[in-house]
Amino acid sequence: MLRSFQWIVPAYTMPSDAQHVIVLRDVVREDFSCTLAERLGDDITKVLHKLDTLPAKISANMMSGHQKVKNGTVVKKTTLETQREITDAWKKFVMDRKTKVIC
């Protein structure tokens, strides 16, 4: 989505001893000005806000657990229950990947 603002930000891998760290790593030229850095930051913020407005994609695994059976009848989860379930899953995913190393 940064391409819509004329930015090309390739995906760089981390060094072998830091493969478990997840960051946005951008390599810039030596003559990259402060003004361009501010513009890049503003454009990244715009893209993040745009991504927040997009609907979440639900995988097939999550769809299978989307309904509950209660007394032989199928009851769909509310939107709030589904959002909480997704949020909890993401929180667990992020916390499991975090390192507790002092820099």
PDB file of N, CA and C in Angstrom:
ATOM      1  N   MET A   1       0.813  -1.197   0.000  1.00  0.00           N
ATOM      2  CA  MET A   1       0.000   0.000   0.000  1.00  0.00           C
ATOM      3  C   MET A   1       0.859   1.265   0.000  1.00  0.00           C
ATOM      4  N   LEU A   2       2.102   1.131   0.424  1.00  0.00           N
ATOM      5  CA  LEU A   2       2.988   2.291   0.375  1.00  0.00           C
ATOM      6  C   LEU A   2       3.318   2.681  -1.061  1.00  0.00           C
ATOM      7  N   ARG A   3       3.152   1.732  -1.986  1.00  0.00           N
ATOM      8  CA  ARG A   3       3.417   2.049  -3.393  1.00  0.00           C
ATOM      9  C   ARG A   3       2.474   3.139  -3.899  1.00  0.00           C
ATOM     10  N   SER A   4       1.279   3.229  -3.336  1.00  0.00           N
ATOM     11  CA  SER A   4       0.355   4.278  -3.775  1.00  0.00           C
ATOM     12  C   SER A   4       0.889   5.667  -3.440  1.00  0.00           C
ATOM     13  N   PHE A   5       1.837   5.747  -2.499  1.00  0.00           N
ATOM     14  CA  PHE A   5       2.492   7.009  -2.156  1.00  0.00           C
ATOM     15  C   PHE A   5       3.884   7.100  -2.795  1.00  0.00           C
ATOM     16  N   GLN A   6       4.146   6.231  -3.771  1.00  0.00           N
ATOM     17  CA  GLN A   6       5.409   6.206  -4.514  1.00  0.00           C
ATOM     18  C   GLN A   6       6.595   5.723  -3.684  1.00  0.00           C
ATOM     19  N   TRP A   7       6.360   4.953  -2.634  1.00  0.00           N
ATOM     20  CA  TRP A   7       7.441   4.373  -1.834  1.00  0.00           C
ATOM     21  C   TRP A   7       7.616   2.921  -2.237  1.00  0.00           C
ATOM     22  N   ILE A   8       8.843   2.473  -2.324  1.00  0.00           N
ATOM     23  CA  ILE A   8       9.135   1.060  -2.552  1.00  0.00           C
ATOM     24  C   ILE A   8       9.868   0.572  -1.311  1.00  0.00           C
ATOM     25  N   VAL A   9       9.180  -0.238  -0.526  1.00  0.00           N
ATOM     26  CA  VAL A   9       9.750  -0.744   0.727  1.00  0.00           C
ATOM     27  C   VAL A   9       9.812  -2.262   0.623  1.00  0.00           C
ATOM     28  N   PRO A  10      10.977  -2.799   0.227  1.00  0.00           N
ATOM     29  CA  PRO A  10      11.095  -4.251   0.099  1.00  0.00           C
ATOM     30  C   PRO A  10      11.149  -4.929   1.469  1.00  0.00           C
ATOM     31  N   ALA A  11      10.883  -6.210   1.462  1.00  0.00           N
ATOM     32  CA  ALA A  11      10.957  -6.987   2.699  1.00  0.00           C
ATOM     33  C   ALA A  11      12.386  -7.478   2.874  1.00  0.00           C
ATOM     34  N   TYR A  12      13.018  -7.064   3.939  1.00  0.00           N
ATOM     35  CA  TYR A  12      14.375  -7.502   4.260  1.00  0.00           C
ATOM     36  C   TYR A  12      14.308  -8.515   5.389  1.00  0.00           C
ATOM     37  N   THR A  13      15.144  -9.523   5.309  1.00  0.00           N
ATOM     38  CA  THR A  13      15.206 -10.493   6.396  1.00  0.00           C
ATOM     39  C   THR A  13      16.162  -9.992   7.462  1.00  0.00           C
ATOM     40  N   MET A  14      15.944 -10.447   8.669  1.00  0.00           N
ATOM     41  CA  MET A  14      16.812 -10.081   9.781  1.00  0.00           C
ATOM     42  C   MET A  14      18.033 -10.996   9.768  1.00  0.00           C
ATOM     43  N   PRO A  15      19.115 -10.609  10.448  1.00  0.00           N
ATOM     44  CA  PRO A  15      20.283 -11.488  10.566  1.00  0.00           C
ATOM     45  C   PRO A  15      19.895 -12.809  11.231  1.00  0.00           C
ATOM     46  N   SER A  16      20.716 -13.820  11.041  1.00  0.00           N
ATOM     47  CA  SER A  16      20.366 -15.160  11.528  1.00  0.00           C
ATOM     48  C   SER A  16      20.149 -15.218  13.034  1.00  0.00           C
ATOM     49  N   ASP A  17      20.823 -14.369  13.804  1.00  0.00           N
ATOM     50  CA  ASP A  17      20.638 -14.411  15.253  1.00  0.00           C
ATOM     51  C   ASP A  17      19.443 -13.580  15.713  1.00  0.00           C
ATOM     52  N   ALA A  18      18.709 -12.964  14.776  1.00  0.00           N
ATOM     53  CA  ALA A  18      17.552 -12.146  15.146  1.00  0.00           C
ATOM     54  C   ALA A  18      16.326 -12.494  14.306  1.00  0.00           C
ATOM     55  N   GLN A  19      16.252 -13.731  13.828  1.00  0.00           N
ATOM     56  CA  GLN A  19      15.129 -14.149  12.996  1.00  0.00           C
ATOM     57  C   GLN A  19      13.800 -14.120  13.745  1.00  0.00           C
ATOM     58  N   HIS A  20      13.829 -14.241  15.062  1.00  0.00           N
ATOM     59  CA  HIS A  20      12.601 -14.273  15.856  1.00  0.00           C
ATOM     60  C   HIS A  20      12.024 -12.884  16.101  1.00  0.00           C
ATOM     61  N   VAL A  21      12.758 -11.829  15.766  1.00  0.00           N
ATOM     62  CA  VAL A  21      12.319 -10.454  15.987  1.00  0.00           C
ATOM     63  C   VAL A  21      11.506  -9.988  14.784  1.00  0.00           C
ATOM     64  N   ILE A  22      10.362  -9.345  15.040  1.00  0.00           N
ATOM     65  CA  ILE A  22       9.519  -8.845  13.962  1.00  0.00           C
ATOM     66  C   ILE A  22       9.563  -7.323  13.996  1.00  0.00           C
ATOM     67  N   VAL A  23      10.067  -6.724  12.938  1.00  0.00           N
ATOM     68  CA  VAL A  23      10.173  -5.266  12.856  1.00  0.00           C
ATOM     69  C   VAL A  23       9.905  -4.821  11.424  1.00  0.00           C
ATOM     70  N   LEU A  24       9.608  -3.532  11.273  1.00  0.00           N
ATOM     71  CA  LEU A  24       9.582  -2.933   9.946  1.00  0.00           C
ATOM     72  C   LEU A  24      10.968  -2.363   9.726  1.00  0.00           C
ATOM     73  N   ARG A  25      11.707  -2.977   8.840  1.00  0.00           N
ATOM     74  CA  ARG A  25      13.095  -2.585   8.607  1.00  0.00           C
ATOM     75  C   ARG A  25      13.174  -1.921   7.241  1.00  0.00           C
ATOM     76  N   ASP A  26      13.611  -0.687   7.224  1.00  0.00           N
ATOM     77  CA  ASP A  26      13.706   0.052   5.974  1.00  0.00           C
ATOM     78  C   ASP A  26      15.128   0.562   5.813  1.00  0.00           C
ATOM     79  N   VAL A  27      15.707   0.329   4.672  1.00  0.00           N
ATOM     80  CA  VAL A  27      17.060   0.793   4.383  1.00  0.00           C
ATOM     81  C   VAL A  27      16.936   2.012   3.474  1.00  0.00           C
ATOM     82  N   VAL A  28      17.571   3.114   3.880  1.00  0.00           N
ATOM     83  CA  VAL A  28      17.473   4.353   3.101  1.00  0.00           C
ATOM     84  C   VAL A  28      18.858   4.792   2.647  1.00  0.00           C
ATOM     85  N   ARG A  29      18.868   5.636   1.649  1.00  0.00           N
ATOM     86  CA  ARG A  29      20.138   6.148   1.130  1.00  0.00           C
ATOM     87  C   ARG A  29      20.743   7.157   2.089  1.00  0.00           C
ATOM     88  N   GLU A  30      22.007   7.406   1.914  1.00  0.00           N
ATOM     89  CA  GLU A  30      22.740   8.328   2.776  1.00  0.00           C
ATOM     90  C   GLU A  30      22.209   9.756   2.662  1.00  0.00           C
ATOM     91  N   ASP A  31      21.725  10.134   1.488  1.00  0.00           N
ATOM     92  CA  ASP A  31      21.236  11.497   1.288  1.00  0.00           C
ATOM     93  C   ASP A  31      19.740  11.652   1.587  1.00  0.00           C
ATOM     94  N   PHE A  32      19.164  10.708   2.313  1.00  0.00           N
ATOM     95  CA  PHE A  32      17.749  10.741   2.692  1.00  0.00           C
ATOM     96  C   PHE A  32      17.547  11.882   3.689  1.00  0.00           C
ATOM     97  N   SER A  33      16.739  12.866   3.327  1.00  0.00           N
ATOM     98  CA  SER A  33      16.593  14.071   4.149  1.00  0.00           C
ATOM     99  C   SER A  33      15.579  13.875   5.274  1.00  0.00           C
ATOM    100  N   CYS A  34      15.613  14.778   6.223  1.00  0.00           N
ATOM    101  CA  CYS A  34      14.673  14.753   7.346  1.00  0.00           C
ATOM    102  C   CYS A  34      13.239  14.948   6.844  1.00  0.00           C
ATOM    103  N   THR A  35      13.076  15.781   5.839  1.00  0.00           N
ATOM    104  CA  THR A  35      11.750  16.023   5.266  1.00  0.00           C
ATOM    105  C   THR A  35      11.183  14.746   4.655  1.00  0.00           C
ATOM    106  N   LEU A  36      12.025  14.014   3.928  1.00  0.00           N
ATOM    107  CA  LEU A  36      11.574  12.744   3.350  1.00  0.00           C
ATOM    108  C   LEU A  36      11.243  11.734   4.442  1.00  0.00           C
ATOM    109  N   ALA A  37      12.021  11.723   5.509  1.00  0.00           N
ATOM    110  CA  ALA A  37      11.751  10.807   6.620  1.00  0.00           C
ATOM    111  C   ALA A  37      10.399  11.124   7.258  1.00  0.00           C
ATOM    112  N   GLU A  38      10.097  12.404   7.422  1.00  0.00           N
ATOM    113  CA  GLU A  38       8.798  12.796   7.977  1.00  0.00           C
ATOM    114  C   GLU A  38       7.666  12.383   7.045  1.00  0.00           C
ATOM    115  N   ARG A  39       7.885  12.562   5.736  1.00  0.00           N
ATOM    116  CA  ARG A  39       6.867  12.170   4.768  1.00  0.00           C
ATOM    117  C   ARG A  39       6.639  10.661   4.785  1.00  0.00           C
ATOM    118  N   LEU A  40       7.727   9.893   4.881  1.00  0.00           N
ATOM    119  CA  LEU A  40       7.601   8.437   4.962  1.00  0.00           C
ATOM    120  C   LEU A  40       6.822   8.047   6.212  1.00  0.00           C
ATOM    121  N   GLY A  41       7.141   8.661   7.340  1.00  0.00           N
ATOM    122  CA  GLY A  41       6.420   8.369   8.577  1.00  0.00           C
ATOM    123  C   GLY A  41       4.941   8.693   8.463  1.00  0.00           C
ATOM    124  N   ASP A  42       4.619   9.841   7.860  1.00  0.00           N
ATOM    125  CA  ASP A  42       3.216  10.219   7.669  1.00  0.00           C
ATOM    126  C   ASP A  42       2.498   9.230   6.755  1.00  0.00           C
ATOM    127  N   ASP A  43       3.167   8.810   5.685  1.00  0.00           N
ATOM    128  CA  ASP A  43       2.559   7.868   4.748  1.00  0.00           C
ATOM    129  C   ASP A  43       2.362   6.492   5.390  1.00  0.00           C
ATOM    130  N   ILE A  44       3.302   6.061   6.220  1.00  0.00           N
ATOM    131  CA  ILE A  44       3.138   4.788   6.934  1.00  0.00           C
ATOM    132  C   ILE A  44       1.938   4.882   7.869  1.00  0.00           C
ATOM    133  N   THR A  45       1.787   6.010   8.551  1.00  0.00           N
ATOM    134  CA  THR A  45       0.641   6.209   9.443  1.00  0.00           C
ATOM    135  C   THR A  45      -0.666   6.149   8.660  1.00  0.00           C
ATOM    136  N   LYS A  46      -0.708   6.787   7.481  1.00  0.00           N
ATOM    137  CA  LYS A  46      -1.914   6.758   6.646  1.00  0.00           C
ATOM    138  C   LYS A  46      -2.253   5.326   6.238  1.00  0.00           C
ATOM    139  N   VAL A  47      -1.228   4.566   5.845  1.00  0.00           N
ATOM    140  CA  VAL A  47      -1.451   3.183   5.424  1.00  0.00           C
ATOM    141  C   VAL A  47      -1.962   2.339   6.592  1.00  0.00           C
ATOM    142  N   LEU A  48      -1.401   2.541   7.778  1.00  0.00           N
ATOM    143  CA  LEU A  48      -1.861   1.786   8.949  1.00  0.00           C
ATOM    144  C   LEU A  48      -3.316   2.107   9.273  1.00  0.00           C
ATOM    145  N   HIS A  49      -3.698   3.382   9.168  1.00  0.00           N
ATOM    146  CA  HIS A  49      -5.101   3.749   9.398  1.00  0.00           C
ATOM    147  C   HIS A  49      -6.003   3.112   8.347  1.00  0.00           C
ATOM    148  N   LYS A  50      -5.541   3.077   7.100  1.00  0.00           N
ATOM    149  CA  LYS A  50      -6.314   2.445   6.029  1.00  0.00           C
ATOM    150  C   LYS A  50      -6.476   0.948   6.298  1.00  0.00           C
ATOM    151  N   LEU A  51      -5.401   0.292   6.740  1.00  0.00           N
ATOM    152  CA  LEU A  51      -5.477  -1.138   7.045  1.00  0.00           C
ATOM    153  C   LEU A  51      -6.435  -1.409   8.201  1.00  0.00           C
ATOM    154  N   ASP A  52      -6.484  -0.496   9.168  1.00  0.00           N
ATOM    155  CA  ASP A  52      -7.405  -0.665  10.295  1.00  0.00           C
ATOM    156  C   ASP A  52      -8.861  -0.589   9.864  1.00  0.00           C
ATOM    157  N   THR A  53      -9.151   0.129   8.773  1.00  0.00           N
ATOM    158  CA  THR A  53     -10.536   0.255   8.323  1.00  0.00           C
ATOM    159  C   THR A  53     -10.990  -0.935   7.486  1.00  0.00           C
ATOM    160  N   LEU A  54     -10.053  -1.717   6.968  1.00  0.00           N
ATOM    161  CA  LEU A  54     -10.409  -2.865   6.135  1.00  0.00           C
ATOM    162  C   LEU A  54     -10.970  -3.992   6.991  1.00  0.00           C
ATOM    163  N   PRO A  55     -11.916  -4.754   6.445  1.00  0.00           N
ATOM    164  CA  PRO A  55     -12.450  -5.885   7.211  1.00  0.00           C
ATOM    165  C   PRO A  55     -11.405  -6.989   7.344  1.00  0.00           C
ATOM    166  N   ALA A  56     -11.444  -7.670   8.467  1.00  0.00           N
ATOM    167  CA  ALA A  56     -10.507  -8.763   8.710  1.00  0.00           C
ATOM    168  C   ALA A  56     -10.915  -9.974   7.882  1.00  0.00           C
ATOM    169  N   LYS A  57      -9.927 -10.689   7.385  1.00  0.00           N
ATOM    170  CA  LYS A  57     -10.209 -11.930   6.670  1.00  0.00           C
ATOM    171  C   LYS A  57     -10.266 -13.051   7.690  1.00  0.00           C
ATOM    172  N   ILE A  58     -11.267 -13.896   7.579  1.00  0.00           N
ATOM    173  CA  ILE A  58     -11.423 -15.008   8.509  1.00  0.00           C
ATOM    174  C   ILE A  58     -11.042 -16.285   7.779  1.00  0.00           C
ATOM    175  N   SER A  59     -10.116 -17.024   8.360  1.00  0.00           N
ATOM    176  CA  SER A  59      -9.654 -18.254   7.721  1.00  0.00           C
ATOM    177  C   SER A  59     -10.695 -19.360   7.870  1.00  0.00           C
ATOM    178  N   ALA A  60     -10.522 -20.422   7.107  1.00  0.00           N
ATOM    179  CA  ALA A  60     -11.451 -21.550   7.161  1.00  0.00           C
ATOM    180  C   ALA A  60     -11.436 -22.204   8.534  1.00  0.00           C
ATOM    181  N   ASN A  61     -10.268 -22.233   9.204  1.00  0.00           N
ATOM    182  CA  ASN A  61     -10.193 -22.822  10.540  1.00  0.00           C
ATOM    183  C   ASN A  61     -11.062 -22.063  11.529  1.00  0.00           C
ATOM    184  N   MET A  62     -11.091 -20.758  11.424  1.00  0.00           N
ATOM    185  CA  MET A  62     -11.888 -19.960  12.339  1.00  0.00           C
ATOM    186  C   MET A  62     -13.366 -20.086  12.018  1.00  0.00           C
ATOM    187  N   MET A  63     -13.702 -20.272  10.746  1.00  0.00           N
ATOM    188  CA  MET A  63     -15.103 -20.410  10.359  1.00  0.00           C
ATOM    189  C   MET A  63     -15.706 -21.684  10.927  1.00  0.00           C
ATOM    190  N   SER A  64     -14.914 -22.746  11.034  1.00  0.00           N
ATOM    191  CA  SER A  64     -15.456 -23.999  11.546  1.00  0.00           C
ATOM    192  C   SER A  64     -15.875 -23.869  13.000  1.00  0.00           C
ATOM    193  N   GLY A  65     -15.221 -23.009  13.760  1.00  0.00           N
ATOM    194  CA  GLY A  65     -15.591 -22.806  15.157  1.00  0.00           C
ATOM    195  C   GLY A  65     -16.509 -21.621  15.346  1.00  0.00           C
ATOM    196  N   HIS A  66     -17.085 -21.131  14.260  1.00  0.00           N
ATOM    197  CA  HIS A  66     -17.890 -19.916  14.311  1.00  0.00           C
ATOM    198  C   HIS A  66     -19.263 -20.133  14.939  1.00  0.00           C
ATOM    199  N   GLN A  67     -19.733 -21.381  14.983  1.00  0.00           N
ATOM    200  CA  GLN A  67     -21.067 -21.636  15.503  1.00  0.00           C
ATOM    201  C   GLN A  67     -20.998 -22.547  16.715  1.00  0.00           C
ATOM    202  N   LYS A  68     -21.918 -22.322  17.647  1.00  0.00           N
ATOM    203  CA  LYS A  68     -22.012 -23.152  18.840  1.00  0.00           C
ATOM    204  C   LYS A  68     -23.273 -24.011  18.733  1.00  0.00           C
ATOM    205  N   VAL A  69     -23.211 -25.179  19.306  1.00  0.00           N
ATOM    206  CA  VAL A  69     -24.392 -26.028  19.360  1.00  0.00           C
ATOM    207  C   VAL A  69     -24.918 -26.001  20.783  1.00  0.00           C
ATOM    208  N   LYS A  70     -26.183 -25.635  20.931  1.00  0.00           N
ATOM    209  CA  LYS A  70     -26.800 -25.521  22.246  1.00  0.00           C
ATOM    210  C   LYS A  70     -28.134 -26.253  22.205  1.00  0.00           C
ATOM    211  N   ASN A  71     -28.252 -27.319  22.975  1.00  0.00           N
ATOM    212  CA  ASN A  71     -29.473 -28.127  23.029  1.00  0.00           C
ATOM    213  C   ASN A  71     -29.919 -28.594  21.644  1.00  0.00           C
ATOM    214  N   GLY A  72     -28.960 -28.958  20.820  1.00  0.00           N
ATOM    215  CA  GLY A  72     -29.284 -29.461  19.498  1.00  0.00           C
ATOM    216  C   GLY A  72     -29.533 -28.391  18.454  1.00  0.00           C
ATOM    217  N   THR A  73     -29.541 -27.115  18.839  1.00  0.00           N
ATOM    218  CA  THR A  73     -29.736 -26.043  17.864  1.00  0.00           C
ATOM    219  C   THR A  73     -28.424 -25.289  17.669  1.00  0.00           C
ATOM    220  N   VAL A  74     -28.228 -24.767  16.484  1.00  0.00           N
ATOM    221  CA  VAL A  74     -27.007 -24.041  16.163  1.00  0.00           C
ATOM    222  C   VAL A  74     -27.213 -22.565  16.495  1.00  0.00           C
ATOM    223  N   VAL A  75     -26.282 -22.025  17.298  1.00  0.00           N
ATOM    224  CA  VAL A  75     -26.351 -20.616  17.684  1.00  0.00           C
ATOM    225  C   VAL A  75     -25.087 -19.934  17.177  1.00  0.00           C
ATOM    226  N   LYS A  76     -25.245 -18.902  16.360  1.00  0.00           N
ATOM    227  CA  LYS A  76     -24.085 -18.174  15.852  1.00  0.00           C
ATOM    228  C   LYS A  76     -23.538 -17.260  16.930  1.00  0.00           C
ATOM    229  N   LYS A  77     -22.222 -17.070  16.900  1.00  0.00           N
ATOM    230  CA  LYS A  77     -21.590 -16.138  17.828  1.00  0.00           C
ATOM    231  C   LYS A  77     -21.935 -14.716  17.414  1.00  0.00           C
ATOM    232  N   THR A  78     -21.999 -13.826  18.393  1.00  0.00           N
ATOM    233  CA  THR A  78     -22.223 -12.423  18.070  1.00  0.00           C
ATOM    234  C   THR A  78     -20.944 -11.840  17.489  1.00  0.00           C
ATOM    235  N   THR A  79     -21.072 -10.701  16.864  1.00  0.00           N
ATOM    236  CA  THR A  79     -19.904 -10.025  16.297  1.00  0.00           C
ATOM    237  C   THR A  79     -18.893  -9.713  17.385  1.00  0.00           C
ATOM    238  N   LEU A  80     -19.373  -9.279  18.535  1.00  0.00           N
ATOM    239  CA  LEU A  80     -18.486  -8.943  19.645  1.00  0.00           C
ATOM    240  C   LEU A  80     -17.721 -10.173  20.127  1.00  0.00           C
ATOM    241  N   GLU A  81     -18.403 -11.317  20.231  1.00  0.00           N
ATOM    242  CA  GLU A  81     -17.722 -12.552  20.645  1.00  0.00           C
ATOM    243  C   GLU A  81     -16.642 -12.943  19.642  1.00  0.00           C
ATOM    244  N   THR A  82     -16.960 -12.820  18.369  1.00  0.00           N
ATOM    245  CA  THR A  82     -15.991 -13.155  17.331  1.00  0.00           C
ATOM    246  C   THR A  82     -14.791 -12.216  17.382  1.00  0.00           C
ATOM    247  N   GLN A  83     -15.043 -10.908  17.548  1.00  0.00           N
ATOM    248  CA  GLN A  83     -13.948  -9.943  17.635  1.00  0.00           C
ATOM    249  C   GLN A  83     -13.071 -10.221  18.846  1.00  0.00           C
ATOM    250  N   ARG A  84     -13.679 -10.533  19.978  1.00  0.00           N
ATOM    251  CA  ARG A  84     -12.895 -10.836  21.183  1.00  0.00           C
ATOM    252  C   ARG A  84     -12.049 -12.085  20.984  1.00  0.00           C
ATOM    253  N   GLU A  85     -12.627 -13.083  20.343  1.00  0.00           N
ATOM    254  CA  GLU A  85     -11.894 -14.325  20.098  1.00  0.00           C
ATOM    255  C   GLU A  85     -10.681 -14.071  19.196  1.00  0.00           C
ATOM    256  N   ILE A  86     -10.875 -13.282  18.152  1.00  0.00           N
ATOM    257  CA  ILE A  86      -9.778 -12.958  17.240  1.00  0.00           C
ATOM    258  C   ILE A  86      -8.722 -12.131  17.957  1.00  0.00           C
ATOM    259  N   THR A  87      -9.162 -11.141  18.737  1.00  0.00           N
ATOM    260  CA  THR A  87      -8.225 -10.296  19.486  1.00  0.00           C
ATOM    261  C   THR A  87      -7.415 -11.123  20.468  1.00  0.00           C
ATOM    262  N   ASP A  88      -8.070 -12.022  21.189  1.00  0.00           N
ATOM    263  CA  ASP A  88      -7.359 -12.877  22.141  1.00  0.00           C
ATOM    264  C   ASP A  88      -6.338 -13.763  21.437  1.00  0.00           C
ATOM    265  N   ALA A  89      -6.710 -14.289  20.273  1.00  0.00           N
ATOM    266  CA  ALA A  89      -5.783 -15.142  19.523  1.00  0.00           C
ATOM    267  C   ALA A  89      -4.561 -14.344  19.080  1.00  0.00           C
ATOM    268  N   TRP A  90      -4.768 -13.120  18.597  1.00  0.00           N
ATOM    269  CA  TRP A  90      -3.639 -12.286  18.175  1.00  0.00           C
ATOM    270  C   TRP A  90      -2.768 -11.895  19.354  1.00  0.00           C
ATOM    271  N   LYS A  91      -3.387 -11.550  20.487  1.00  0.00           N
ATOM    272  CA  LYS A  91      -2.600 -11.193  21.674  1.00  0.00           C
ATOM    273  C   LYS A  91      -1.721 -12.363  22.096  1.00  0.00           C
ATOM    274  N   LYS A  92      -2.306 -13.567  22.100  1.00  0.00           N
ATOM    275  CA  LYS A  92      -1.539 -14.752  22.477  1.00  0.00           C
ATOM    276  C   LYS A  92      -0.394 -14.971  21.490  1.00  0.00           C
ATOM    277  N   PHE A  93      -0.675 -14.814  20.199  1.00  0.00           N
ATOM    278  CA  PHE A  93       0.347 -14.986  19.168  1.00  0.00           C
ATOM    279  C   PHE A  93       1.502 -14.010  19.377  1.00  0.00           C
ATOM    280  N   VAL A  94       1.186 -12.743  19.619  1.00  0.00           N
ATOM    281  CA  VAL A  94       2.219 -11.722  19.800  1.00  0.00           C
ATOM    282  C   VAL A  94       3.004 -11.970  21.077  1.00  0.00           C
ATOM    283  N   MET A  95       2.322 -12.279  22.172  1.00  0.00           N
ATOM    284  CA  MET A  95       3.002 -12.489  23.450  1.00  0.00           C
ATOM    285  C   MET A  95       3.916 -13.715  23.393  1.00  0.00           C
ATOM    286  N   ASP A  96       3.508 -14.746  22.652  1.00  0.00           N
ATOM    287  CA  ASP A  96       4.346 -15.939  22.519  1.00  0.00           C
ATOM    288  C   ASP A  96       5.624 -15.642  21.739  1.00  0.00           C
ATOM    289  N   ARG A  97       5.579 -14.659  20.852  1.00  0.00           N
ATOM    290  CA  ARG A  97       6.736 -14.336  20.016  1.00  0.00           C
ATOM    291  C   ARG A  97       7.617 -13.251  20.615  1.00  0.00           C
ATOM    292  N   LYS A  98       7.150 -12.566  21.637  1.00  0.00           N
ATOM    293  CA  LYS A  98       7.944 -11.493  22.248  1.00  0.00           C
ATOM    294  C   LYS A  98       9.126 -12.074  22.997  1.00  0.00           C
ATOM    295  N   THR A  99      10.212 -11.343  22.953  1.00  0.00           N
ATOM    296  CA  THR A  99      11.380 -11.749  23.722  1.00  0.00           C
ATOM    297  C   THR A  99      11.487 -10.865  24.947  1.00  0.00           C
ATOM    298  N   LYS A 100      12.040 -11.403  25.975  1.00  0.00           N
ATOM    299  CA  LYS A 100      12.193 -10.656  27.210  1.00  0.00           C
ATOM    300  C   LYS A 100      13.671 -10.392  27.450  1.00  0.00           C
ATOM    301  N   VAL A 101      14.287  -9.709  26.485  1.00  0.00           N
ATOM    302  CA  VAL A 101      15.711  -9.422  26.528  1.00  0.00           C
ATOM    303  C   VAL A 101      15.893  -7.928  26.734  1.00  0.00           C
ATOM    304  N   ILE A 102      16.799  -7.568  27.609  1.00  0.00           N
ATOM    305  CA  ILE A 102      17.102  -6.160  27.832  1.00  0.00           C
ATOM    306  C   ILE A 102      18.111  -5.722  26.789  1.00  0.00           C
ATOM    307  N   CYS A 103      17.791  -4.655  26.091  1.00  0.00           N
ATOM    308  CA  CYS A 103      18.680  -4.156  25.033  1.00  0.00           C
ATOM    309  C   CYS A 103      19.761  -3.277  25.608  1.00  0.00           C
TER     310      CYS A 103
END
